[in-house]
Amino acid sequence: MKPRSLRNLWRNRAGVARSGNDDPVDPMVAQLADALAPERVRVDSVARALYAHDASVFGGGASGPVCFPTSLEEVQAIMRIAMSHGRSIVPRGAGTGLAGGAIPLGEPIVVSMAKMDRIIDIDPAGRVVWVEPGVVNLDLSRHLRPLGFHYAPDPSSQQVCTIGGNVANNSGGPHCLAYGVTDVHVVAVEVVLVDGTVVMLGGSCDEVDGYDLRGAFVGSEGMLGIATKVAVRLTQNPPAVKTLLLSFGTVADAANSVSAIIAAGMVPAALEVMDQKITVAVENFVNAGYPRDAAAVLLVELEGMPGSVEADAARVADIGRDHGATGVRVAADDAEREALWKGRKTAFGAIAQIAPDYYLHDTVVPRGRLADVLAEIYAIADRHDVVVMNVFHAGDGNLHPLLLFDGREPGAIDRVHAAGAEIVRASLAAGGVLSGEHGIGIEKQMHMGAMFGPDDLDHQERLRRAFDPYCRVNPGKVIPAGHSCADIQSLRSVPTGVWG
C-alpha cells in the first residue's frame, strides 16, 4: 500500500479528518497529518477530552487537534499551518501545572512536547547540558549523577514534570532556596515563534549582547512561543549532605525557627515545613518515620564540605531547640535521608486517603510574616468550612496550602475557591506576591490588578505582542480581563494568512 493510501486509511478509521460520512477532509487536520505522521495528530474525543485539562481544579477547557511533534521542523510546520488557518496554539508539557496554564481555551491546536525527550549534549567542562523540552526533570538528574552532577531545580512533581514545563513556569522546588529557581539555571532556549520563525534566546557565554530575552521567555507560561531545545546549567554534586528533621509543638515555632536559621547567616539547601495533618497523612502513606504527635515538622538539608556541614547541623539543632523544638533527628545514612525526602515529595499524593479532591495553592510571603499568615490561613479555612493542610518551602516563604474537598458535594468547590481568594488577599496584604512557582495561568488572572497597576499590565501585554502580535500562543492566560489578549472570542476574527 502506498504511503498516501496509508494516510487516508488512518484518517478514515480514526474519523479525525472528516466532518461527516461524505464530507471532504478537514484541510487543517490533513495538513497537520502530512507535516507529522498521521498517528501523531489526534482529534478523537478521547484525546481532546484528555488534553482539555491539566492537574489543576479548573475546568472549561476545549481542545482542538492534539499534535505530537518530534522535531524542530515539525513544530515550525504546526505553527505555520495554525497561522494559515487562523487557529491558536497551546504548548503542553506533562500537564502537571496547577494554575490552569495548559488548559486550552477556544479549541486551539494543542502541541504536546512529550515526544521531544532527548538529552542532546552534555558538556561537563562548560557545565551545560542541552536537552529537548520533553525531558523529565528527575530523569535528567539521574542521567547526570554518575558524572558527578545534577539539575538543581526540583519541583515536587519532578518525577513527571518536564524541563519545558519548568521553563514555562520558572519552577522552583525545595532545593531552590540555595540554588535558585529555573531562571538561574537556563542558559539558552531555542524557540519557535508564532509565525514559525526560529530564534535562539541567550547563549553559552556568560554575557550575551542585547536584551535578556531569555529571561523574558523563562516564566512566560507558554505565551511567547514554543521551546524546542534548552541549555541548562550542571550543578556539581555536593561532597557532604546532612538532613535533619525537627519537631515542634506549634506551626508558629517551626516558622520562626526558619527565620532564625537564615538570620544566623546560614542558607541551607532546603527548609521545608509540614503541619500535623499532612505529616500524619505522609506517615500513613510511606512510613518514613515522621512523628505523628508533632504540630509541625521542619525538614532541613545542609550541603557542603564535611566539616562545615557538621558544624551547621549542630547550629541548626541548637536554634531549633531555642525556638521550641521538641525533638531533633539527624538522618543516619542515605537510606534514611531518602525516606524523609520521599515523605516530603509524595505529600500531595498522600492526601488521597483523606479526601478525593484538593486544591494546592501557591503564594509567597516574607519569611518574617510566615507565622502570622499561616495563622490567618487556618482561620480562613475555618470560616469557609474547608479542611486545610500546610506544606511549604519555608526558606523562601513559598506557601502551599492544601484545601481538601469532595467535588461531589454541592457547593464544596465554591467554598474552596472563596477560601483560595482570601488566601491570595492575605498574602498580598502581608507584602507577598501572587505565585512562587505555579504561575498565574487562569487561576490568579483575576488577581493581577491587585498586584500590578494599569501601566504595568499594559507593558506586560506589549511585551507579549512583541513576540506574538495576535496573542495566538496560549491565549486567554495571565493577562486579566479588560485587555485585548484576554479576549478569546476575538481570535476567531483575526485574519488568516497574515504571515505570508
Protein backbone atom coordinates (compact mmCIF):
# COMPACT_ATOMS: atom_id res chain seq x y z
CA MET A 1 0.00 0.00 0.00
CA LYS A 2 1.36 3.46 -0.92
CA PRO A 3 2.12 5.95 1.87
CA ARG A 4 -0.70 8.26 0.73
CA SER A 5 -3.17 5.37 0.91
CA LEU A 6 -1.98 4.54 4.42
CA ARG A 7 -2.62 8.13 5.46
CA ASN A 8 -6.14 8.06 4.03
CA LEU A 9 -6.85 4.70 5.68
CA TRP A 10 -5.78 6.12 9.05
CA ARG A 11 -7.95 9.20 8.54
CA ASN A 12 -11.00 7.14 7.68
CA ARG A 13 -10.58 4.69 10.55
CA ALA A 14 -9.87 7.35 13.17
CA GLY A 15 -12.55 9.68 11.89
CA VAL A 16 -10.26 12.58 12.67
CA ALA A 17 -10.02 14.34 9.34
CA ARG A 18 -13.59 14.17 8.10
CA SER A 19 -16.51 16.23 9.36
CA GLY A 20 -19.11 13.71 8.19
CA ASN A 21 -19.53 10.45 6.28
CA ASP A 22 -19.17 12.05 2.86
CA ASP A 23 -17.71 15.43 3.77
CA PRO A 24 -14.30 16.46 2.47
CA VAL A 25 -11.20 16.01 4.61
CA ASP A 26 -10.66 18.86 7.11
CA PRO A 27 -7.89 20.84 5.34
CA MET A 28 -6.09 21.89 8.52
CA VAL A 29 -6.00 18.41 10.03
CA ALA A 30 -4.94 16.95 6.69
CA GLN A 31 -2.04 19.40 6.52
CA LEU A 32 -1.03 18.57 10.08
CA ALA A 33 -1.13 14.84 9.28
CA ASP A 34 1.05 15.42 6.24
CA ALA A 35 3.54 17.53 8.20
CA LEU A 36 3.79 15.00 11.05
CA ALA A 37 2.91 11.31 10.97
CA PRO A 38 -0.86 10.66 10.84
CA GLU A 39 -0.83 8.79 14.14
CA ARG A 40 0.69 11.85 15.81
CA VAL A 41 -2.30 14.07 15.04
CA ARG A 42 -5.30 13.22 17.19
CA VAL A 43 -8.78 14.73 17.03
CA ASP A 44 -10.76 11.86 18.53
CA SER A 45 -12.94 12.72 21.51
CA VAL A 46 -10.77 10.78 23.98
CA ALA A 47 -7.60 12.70 23.15
CA ARG A 48 -9.36 16.05 23.03
CA ALA A 49 -11.01 15.42 26.41
CA LEU A 50 -7.74 14.28 27.99
CA TYR A 51 -5.80 17.33 26.79
CA ALA A 52 -8.56 19.77 27.79
CA HIS A 53 -7.31 19.62 31.40
CA ASP A 54 -4.16 19.97 33.46
CA ALA A 55 -3.58 18.97 37.10
CA SER A 56 -5.47 22.00 38.45
CA VAL A 57 -9.05 22.20 39.74
CA PHE A 58 -10.05 24.45 36.86
CA GLY A 59 -12.25 23.20 34.05
CA GLY A 60 -13.81 24.71 30.95
CA GLY A 61 -11.08 23.69 28.52
CA ALA A 62 -11.82 22.79 24.91
CA SER A 63 -9.09 21.25 22.78
CA GLY A 64 -8.78 21.19 19.04
CA PRO A 65 -6.40 18.75 17.30
CA VAL A 66 -3.65 17.35 19.53
CA CYS A 67 -0.24 17.15 17.85
CA PHE A 68 2.88 15.26 18.98
CA PRO A 69 5.90 16.69 17.13
CA THR A 70 9.30 15.01 17.26
CA SER A 71 11.50 17.71 15.71
CA LEU A 72 12.07 21.43 15.37
CA GLU A 73 10.85 21.29 11.78
CA GLU A 74 7.56 19.70 12.80
CA VAL A 75 6.94 22.40 15.42
CA GLN A 76 7.60 25.02 12.75
CA ALA A 77 5.15 23.33 10.41
CA ILE A 78 2.43 23.26 13.09
CA MET A 79 2.90 26.97 13.76
CA ARG A 80 2.68 27.86 10.07
CA ILE A 81 -0.38 25.70 9.48
CA ALA A 82 -2.09 27.21 12.50
CA MET A 83 -1.39 30.71 11.21
CA SER A 84 -2.68 29.92 7.75
CA HIS A 85 -5.97 28.70 9.24
CA GLY A 86 -6.34 31.43 11.86
CA ARG A 87 -6.03 28.98 14.79
CA SER A 88 -4.32 29.48 18.11
CA ILE A 89 -1.74 27.19 19.71
CA VAL A 90 -1.30 25.82 23.25
CA PRO A 91 2.09 24.24 24.07
CA ARG A 92 1.93 21.46 26.65
CA GLY A 93 4.45 19.64 28.80
CA ALA A 94 3.44 16.87 31.20
CA GLY A 95 0.18 18.58 32.21
CA THR A 96 1.22 18.77 35.87
CA GLY A 97 0.55 22.51 36.11
CA LEU A 98 -1.70 23.66 38.94
CA ALA A 99 -2.77 27.12 37.72
CA GLY A 100 -4.67 26.12 34.58
CA GLY A 101 -1.83 27.33 32.38
CA ALA A 102 -2.04 24.40 29.96
CA ILE A 103 -5.84 24.33 29.70
CA PRO A 104 -6.77 25.04 26.04
CA LEU A 105 -9.31 27.82 25.54
CA GLY A 106 -11.19 28.35 22.28
CA GLU A 107 -10.34 24.94 20.74
CA PRO A 108 -6.70 25.70 19.82
CA ILE A 109 -4.23 23.20 18.42
CA VAL A 110 -2.60 21.54 21.44
CA VAL A 111 1.10 20.86 20.87
CA SER A 112 2.35 18.16 23.24
CA MET A 113 6.14 18.18 23.55
CA ALA A 114 6.25 14.78 25.25
CA LYS A 115 7.95 13.01 22.35
CA MET A 116 10.79 15.54 22.15
CA ASP A 117 12.61 13.99 25.11
CA ARG A 118 16.25 13.60 24.08
CA ILE A 119 19.27 14.60 26.14
CA ILE A 120 21.22 16.09 23.24
CA ASP A 121 24.67 17.01 24.51
CA ILE A 122 26.47 17.10 27.87
CA ASP A 123 29.42 19.46 28.32
CA PRO A 124 30.95 18.77 31.76
CA ALA A 125 33.76 21.28 31.18
CA GLY A 126 31.34 24.05 30.28
CA ARG A 127 28.85 22.85 32.95
CA VAL A 128 25.98 22.87 30.42
CA VAL A 129 23.64 20.22 29.04
CA TRP A 130 21.35 20.67 26.00
CA VAL A 131 18.01 18.90 26.25
CA GLU A 132 14.71 18.78 24.43
CA PRO A 133 11.72 20.17 26.34
CA GLY A 134 10.08 16.81 26.96
CA VAL A 135 12.93 15.51 29.16
CA VAL A 136 11.56 14.66 32.61
CA ASN A 137 13.18 16.68 35.39
CA LEU A 138 14.22 13.75 37.59
CA ASP A 139 15.39 11.67 34.60
CA LEU A 140 17.89 14.41 33.77
CA SER A 141 19.42 14.35 37.27
CA ARG A 142 19.54 10.55 37.24
CA HIS A 143 21.36 10.66 33.91
CA LEU A 144 23.86 13.22 35.21
CA ARG A 145 24.53 11.70 38.64
CA PRO A 146 27.25 9.21 37.51
CA LEU A 147 29.12 12.18 36.01
CA GLY A 148 29.12 13.97 39.37
CA PHE A 149 26.37 16.47 38.52
CA HIS A 150 22.64 17.05 38.82
CA TYR A 151 19.99 19.55 37.75
CA ALA A 152 19.23 21.67 40.81
CA PRO A 153 15.57 22.83 40.43
CA ASP A 154 13.49 20.00 41.91
CA PRO A 155 9.71 20.63 41.93
CA SER A 156 7.65 18.19 43.96
CA SER A 157 6.35 16.81 40.65
CA GLN A 158 9.89 16.21 39.37
CA GLN A 159 9.21 12.52 38.73
CA VAL A 160 6.85 13.51 35.90
CA CYS A 161 7.21 17.24 35.10
CA THR A 162 9.36 18.24 32.14
CA ILE A 163 12.12 20.76 31.56
CA GLY A 164 9.94 22.61 29.05
CA GLY A 165 7.15 22.97 31.59
CA ASN A 166 9.67 24.07 34.23
CA VAL A 167 10.92 26.78 31.86
CA ALA A 168 7.36 27.94 31.12
CA ASN A 169 6.55 28.41 34.83
CA ASN A 170 10.02 29.26 36.15
CA SER A 171 9.54 26.35 38.55
CA GLY A 172 11.16 26.11 41.95
CA GLY A 173 11.41 23.29 44.46
CA PRO A 174 12.80 22.59 47.93
CA HIS A 175 16.46 22.97 46.95
CA CYS A 176 15.94 26.27 45.16
CA LEU A 177 16.48 28.09 48.46
CA ALA A 178 20.24 27.73 47.98
CA TYR A 179 20.47 27.17 44.23
CA GLY A 180 17.78 29.43 42.78
CA VAL A 181 14.75 28.73 40.60
CA THR A 182 14.72 27.62 36.96
CA ASP A 183 15.66 31.02 35.51
CA VAL A 184 19.06 30.86 37.23
CA HIS A 185 19.82 27.53 35.56
CA VAL A 186 18.68 28.19 31.99
CA VAL A 187 21.50 29.36 29.73
CA ALA A 188 19.74 29.43 26.36
CA VAL A 189 16.44 28.47 24.74
CA GLU A 190 15.70 27.64 21.12
CA VAL A 191 12.19 28.96 20.43
CA VAL A 192 9.73 28.68 17.57
CA LEU A 193 7.72 31.89 17.30
CA VAL A 194 4.09 32.13 16.24
CA ASP A 195 4.97 32.52 12.54
CA GLY A 196 7.34 29.53 12.53
CA THR A 197 10.50 31.62 12.83
CA VAL A 198 13.26 30.07 14.98
CA VAL A 199 15.23 32.23 17.41
CA MET A 200 17.91 31.46 19.97
CA LEU A 201 17.43 33.35 23.21
CA GLY A 202 20.54 33.57 25.37
CA GLY A 203 23.77 31.75 24.65
CA SER A 204 26.56 29.65 26.08
CA CYS A 205 28.76 32.62 27.04
CA ASP A 206 28.22 34.37 30.37
CA GLU A 207 27.34 37.74 28.83
CA VAL A 208 25.13 37.81 25.74
CA ASP A 209 24.76 41.03 23.77
CA GLY A 210 21.42 42.84 23.76
CA TYR A 211 18.35 42.48 25.90
CA ASP A 212 17.86 39.44 28.12
CA LEU A 213 15.10 37.87 26.03
CA ARG A 214 15.96 34.50 27.56
CA GLY A 215 14.92 35.97 30.92
CA ALA A 216 11.70 37.28 29.38
CA PHE A 217 10.88 33.83 27.97
CA VAL A 218 11.51 31.84 31.16
CA GLY A 219 8.32 32.08 33.19
CA SER A 220 6.23 33.37 30.27
CA GLU A 221 3.79 30.44 30.66
CA GLY A 222 3.88 29.40 27.01
CA MET A 223 2.63 32.75 25.69
CA LEU A 224 5.70 33.82 23.70
CA GLY A 225 6.43 30.72 21.63
CA ILE A 226 7.38 27.04 21.92
CA ALA A 227 10.74 25.95 23.32
CA THR A 228 12.29 23.17 21.24
CA LYS A 229 15.73 22.99 22.85
CA VAL A 230 17.03 24.19 26.22
CA ALA A 231 20.55 24.59 27.60
CA VAL A 232 20.65 24.24 31.39
CA ARG A 233 23.48 24.51 33.90
CA LEU A 234 25.02 21.47 35.56
CA THR A 235 25.31 21.63 39.34
CA GLN A 236 28.10 19.62 40.96
CA ASN A 237 27.01 17.02 43.48
CA PRO A 238 27.95 18.19 46.99
CA PRO A 239 30.77 16.42 48.84
CA ALA A 240 28.66 16.06 52.00
CA VAL A 241 24.94 16.20 52.79
CA LYS A 242 23.15 16.11 56.12
CA THR A 243 19.39 16.05 56.64
CA LEU A 244 17.65 16.94 59.92
CA LEU A 245 14.03 16.60 60.97
CA LEU A 246 12.95 18.93 63.79
CA SER A 247 9.63 18.51 65.61
CA PHE A 248 7.65 21.40 67.12
CA GLY A 249 4.66 21.91 69.36
CA THR A 250 3.25 24.69 67.16
CA VAL A 251 3.42 25.66 63.49
CA ALA A 252 4.49 29.15 64.56
CA ASP A 253 7.56 27.75 66.34
CA ALA A 254 8.60 25.92 63.19
CA ALA A 255 8.09 29.03 61.04
CA ASN A 256 10.03 31.24 63.47
CA SER A 257 12.89 28.75 63.53
CA VAL A 258 13.23 29.14 59.78
CA SER A 259 13.72 32.91 60.09
CA ALA A 260 16.21 32.38 62.92
CA ILE A 261 18.30 29.93 60.88
CA ILE A 262 18.57 32.39 57.98
CA ALA A 263 19.27 35.26 60.39
CA ALA A 264 22.17 33.26 61.84
CA GLY A 265 23.90 33.52 58.47
CA MET A 266 23.17 30.04 57.15
CA VAL A 267 21.48 29.26 53.82
CA PRO A 268 20.61 25.56 53.91
CA ALA A 269 19.94 23.72 50.66
CA ALA A 270 16.33 23.27 51.81
CA LEU A 271 13.98 24.32 54.60
CA GLU A 272 10.58 22.61 54.38
CA VAL A 273 7.69 22.73 56.87
CA MET A 274 4.72 20.37 57.16
CA ASP A 275 1.92 20.69 59.69
CA GLN A 276 0.50 17.79 61.70
CA LYS A 277 -2.36 16.86 59.38
CA ILE A 278 -0.14 16.43 56.35
CA THR A 279 2.63 14.78 58.43
CA VAL A 280 0.24 12.08 59.66
CA ALA A 281 -1.04 11.53 56.12
CA VAL A 282 2.52 11.18 54.81
CA GLU A 283 3.48 8.76 57.57
CA ASN A 284 0.44 6.62 56.85
CA PHE A 285 1.40 6.64 53.18
CA VAL A 286 5.16 5.98 53.15
CA ASN A 287 6.12 5.06 56.75
CA ALA A 288 9.18 7.33 56.67
CA GLY A 289 9.42 7.76 60.43
CA TYR A 290 7.73 11.15 60.76
CA PRO A 291 6.40 11.91 64.27
CA ARG A 292 2.61 11.78 64.35
CA ASP A 293 2.29 13.83 67.53
CA ALA A 294 4.20 16.93 66.39
CA ALA A 295 2.15 20.02 65.46
CA ALA A 296 4.72 20.69 62.74
CA VAL A 297 8.00 19.34 61.41
CA LEU A 298 10.88 21.20 59.80
CA LEU A 299 12.99 19.33 57.25
CA VAL A 300 16.45 20.88 56.90
CA GLU A 301 19.08 19.85 54.37
CA LEU A 302 22.66 21.09 54.57
CA GLU A 303 25.29 20.68 51.84
CA GLY A 304 29.00 21.49 51.62
CA MET A 305 32.31 20.30 52.94
CA PRO A 306 32.02 17.65 55.67
CA GLY A 307 33.38 19.81 58.47
CA SER A 308 31.15 22.81 57.76
CA VAL A 309 28.09 20.60 57.32
CA GLU A 310 28.65 19.02 60.74
CA ALA A 311 29.09 22.43 62.37
CA ASP A 312 25.99 23.87 60.68
CA ALA A 313 23.92 20.84 61.68
CA ALA A 314 24.80 21.45 65.33
CA ARG A 315 23.89 25.14 64.98
CA VAL A 316 20.54 24.30 63.36
CA ALA A 317 19.74 21.87 66.16
CA ASP A 318 20.55 24.49 68.78
CA ILE A 319 18.47 27.16 67.04
CA GLY A 320 15.58 24.75 66.77
CA ARG A 321 15.69 23.92 70.47
CA ASP A 322 15.91 27.62 71.32
CA HIS A 323 12.66 28.09 69.39
CA GLY A 324 10.74 25.27 70.98
CA ALA A 325 11.82 22.16 69.07
CA THR A 326 10.66 19.09 70.96
CA GLY A 327 12.86 16.72 69.00
CA VAL A 328 15.80 16.75 66.59
CA ARG A 329 16.51 13.79 64.36
CA VAL A 330 19.54 13.54 62.08
CA ALA A 331 19.35 11.08 59.17
CA ALA A 332 21.96 8.41 59.84
CA ASP A 333 22.58 7.43 56.21
CA ASP A 334 21.44 7.95 52.62
CA ALA A 335 18.59 5.47 53.01
CA GLU A 336 17.11 7.38 55.93
CA ARG A 337 17.63 10.69 54.16
CA GLU A 338 15.87 9.38 51.04
CA ALA A 339 12.97 8.12 53.15
CA LEU A 340 12.48 11.56 54.70
CA TRP A 341 12.52 13.22 51.28
CA LYS A 342 10.19 10.59 49.85
CA GLY A 343 7.71 11.64 52.51
CA ARG A 344 8.01 15.29 51.55
CA LYS A 345 7.87 14.71 47.79
CA THR A 346 4.82 12.42 48.00
CA ALA A 347 2.87 14.65 50.39
CA PHE A 348 0.28 15.63 47.80
CA GLY A 349 -0.42 12.04 46.80
CA ALA A 350 -0.76 11.06 50.45
CA ILE A 351 -3.92 13.09 50.98
CA ALA A 352 -5.98 10.79 48.74
CA GLN A 353 -6.63 8.74 51.88
CA ILE A 354 -8.39 11.75 53.42
CA ALA A 355 -10.36 13.41 50.61
CA PRO A 356 -10.94 12.69 46.92
CA ASP A 357 -10.03 16.21 45.76
CA TYR A 358 -7.67 19.01 46.70
CA TYR A 359 -6.72 22.49 45.59
CA LEU A 360 -2.98 23.13 46.00
CA HIS A 361 -2.46 26.87 46.43
CA ASP A 362 0.72 28.88 45.83
CA THR A 363 1.63 32.31 47.18
CA VAL A 364 4.78 33.87 48.66
CA VAL A 365 5.11 35.96 51.81
CA PRO A 366 8.12 37.49 53.59
CA ARG A 367 9.77 34.96 55.92
CA GLY A 368 9.17 37.24 58.89
CA ARG A 369 5.41 37.08 58.25
CA LEU A 370 5.15 33.29 57.88
CA ALA A 371 3.68 32.62 61.32
CA ASP A 372 1.12 35.43 61.01
CA VAL A 373 -0.05 34.44 57.53
CA LEU A 374 -0.25 30.75 58.43
CA ALA A 375 -2.49 31.60 61.40
CA GLU A 376 -4.68 33.61 59.03
CA ILE A 377 -4.86 30.72 56.56
CA TYR A 378 -6.16 28.37 59.27
CA ALA A 379 -8.79 30.99 60.20
CA ILE A 380 -9.81 31.41 56.54
CA ALA A 381 -10.27 27.67 56.15
CA ASP A 382 -12.44 27.54 59.27
CA ARG A 383 -14.62 30.38 58.02
CA HIS A 384 -15.28 28.58 54.75
CA ASP A 385 -15.67 25.11 56.33
CA VAL A 386 -12.70 23.76 54.38
CA VAL A 387 -10.02 21.37 55.65
CA VAL A 388 -6.55 22.84 55.14
CA MET A 389 -3.10 21.27 55.41
CA ASN A 390 0.10 23.28 55.10
CA VAL A 391 3.29 22.07 53.46
CA PHE A 392 5.62 24.70 52.09
CA HIS A 393 9.06 25.93 51.06
CA ALA A 394 9.64 27.80 54.29
CA GLY A 395 13.09 29.12 53.42
CA ASP A 396 11.79 31.48 50.72
CA GLY A 397 8.29 31.96 52.13
CA ASN A 398 6.58 29.99 49.35
CA LEU A 399 3.30 28.77 50.87
CA HIS A 400 1.37 25.77 49.51
CA PRO A 401 -1.88 25.40 51.49
CA LEU A 402 -3.75 22.25 50.54
CA LEU A 403 -7.51 22.80 50.57
CA LEU A 404 -9.26 19.43 50.75
CA PHE A 405 -12.77 18.81 49.45
CA ASP A 406 -15.17 16.38 47.79
CA GLY A 407 -16.16 17.70 44.38
CA ARG A 408 -19.40 15.68 44.51
CA GLU A 409 -20.62 17.70 47.48
CA PRO A 410 -22.85 20.63 46.41
CA GLY A 411 -21.15 23.97 46.97
CA ALA A 412 -17.80 22.45 48.01
CA ILE A 413 -15.76 23.81 45.11
CA ASP A 414 -17.28 27.27 45.58
CA ARG A 415 -16.16 27.32 49.22
CA VAL A 416 -12.69 26.22 48.19
CA HIS A 417 -12.34 28.97 45.59
CA ALA A 418 -13.63 31.57 48.06
CA ALA A 419 -11.04 30.43 50.61
CA GLY A 420 -8.34 30.49 47.94
CA ALA A 421 -9.18 34.08 47.01
CA GLU A 422 -8.92 35.12 50.66
CA ILE A 423 -5.52 33.44 50.94
CA VAL A 424 -4.32 35.50 47.97
CA ARG A 425 -5.55 38.71 49.55
CA ALA A 426 -3.95 37.86 52.90
CA SER A 427 -0.62 37.08 51.22
CA LEU A 428 -0.60 40.33 49.25
CA ALA A 429 -1.56 42.31 52.36
CA ALA A 430 1.47 40.82 54.13
CA GLY A 431 3.77 42.12 51.40
CA GLY A 432 3.81 38.92 49.37
CA VAL A 433 3.25 38.03 45.73
CA LEU A 434 0.73 36.00 43.75
CA SER A 435 2.84 32.97 42.88
CA GLY A 436 6.14 31.38 43.76
CA GLU A 437 6.30 28.67 41.11
CA HIS A 438 2.88 27.56 39.82
CA GLY A 439 2.39 30.63 37.64
CA ILE A 440 -0.67 32.79 37.04
CA GLY A 441 -2.45 30.81 34.31
CA ILE A 442 -6.18 31.29 34.71
CA GLU A 443 -6.09 30.71 38.47
CA LYS A 444 -4.78 34.12 39.53
CA GLN A 445 -5.63 36.07 36.40
CA MET A 446 -8.40 37.95 38.22
CA HIS A 447 -5.94 38.98 40.97
CA MET A 448 -3.33 40.54 38.66
CA GLY A 449 -4.83 44.01 39.14
CA ALA A 450 -4.31 43.72 42.90
CA MET A 451 -0.55 43.42 42.41
CA PHE A 452 0.09 45.37 39.21
CA GLY A 453 -1.12 48.79 38.12
CA PRO A 454 -2.63 49.59 34.69
CA ASP A 455 0.72 50.70 33.27
CA ASP A 456 2.42 47.51 34.49
CA LEU A 457 -0.24 45.33 32.85
CA ASP A 458 -0.14 47.38 29.65
CA HIS A 459 3.62 46.84 29.33
CA GLN A 460 3.24 43.12 30.04
CA GLU A 461 0.78 42.90 27.16
CA ARG A 462 3.11 44.93 24.91
CA LEU A 463 5.94 42.52 25.64
CA ARG A 464 3.70 39.61 24.73
CA ARG A 465 2.63 41.25 21.48
CA ALA A 466 6.27 41.87 20.56
CA PHE A 467 6.62 38.08 20.34
CA ASP A 468 3.06 37.26 19.24
CA PRO A 469 1.13 40.22 17.77
CA TYR A 470 -2.24 38.43 17.78
CA CYS A 471 -1.90 36.64 21.15
CA ARG A 472 -2.28 33.30 19.38
CA VAL A 473 0.08 31.28 21.60
CA ASN A 474 -1.65 30.06 24.77
CA PRO A 475 -4.42 32.66 24.56
CA GLY A 476 -6.54 33.81 27.48
CA LYS A 477 -3.91 33.32 30.18
CA VAL A 478 -2.25 35.64 32.73
CA ILE A 479 -3.36 38.99 31.24
CA PRO A 480 -6.62 39.90 33.04
CA ALA A 481 -9.99 40.87 31.60
CA GLY A 482 -10.14 44.28 30.00
CA HIS A 483 -7.02 43.70 27.93
CA SER A 484 -7.25 42.51 24.34
CA CYS A 485 -5.00 39.48 24.93
CA ALA A 486 -7.59 38.20 27.41
CA ASP A 487 -10.36 38.11 24.76
CA ILE A 488 -10.57 34.57 23.38
CA GLN A 489 -13.51 35.36 21.11
CA SER A 490 -11.53 38.00 19.23
CA LEU A 491 -9.18 35.28 17.98
CA ARG A 492 -11.89 33.94 15.71
CA SER A 493 -11.87 37.18 13.70
CA VAL A 494 -8.11 37.53 13.25
CA PRO A 495 -7.26 37.49 9.51
CA THR A 496 -5.68 34.31 8.23
CA GLY A 497 -2.57 34.22 6.10
CA VAL A 498 -1.21 37.41 7.63
CA TRP A 499 2.26 35.94 7.88
CA GLY A 500 2.56 35.28 4.13
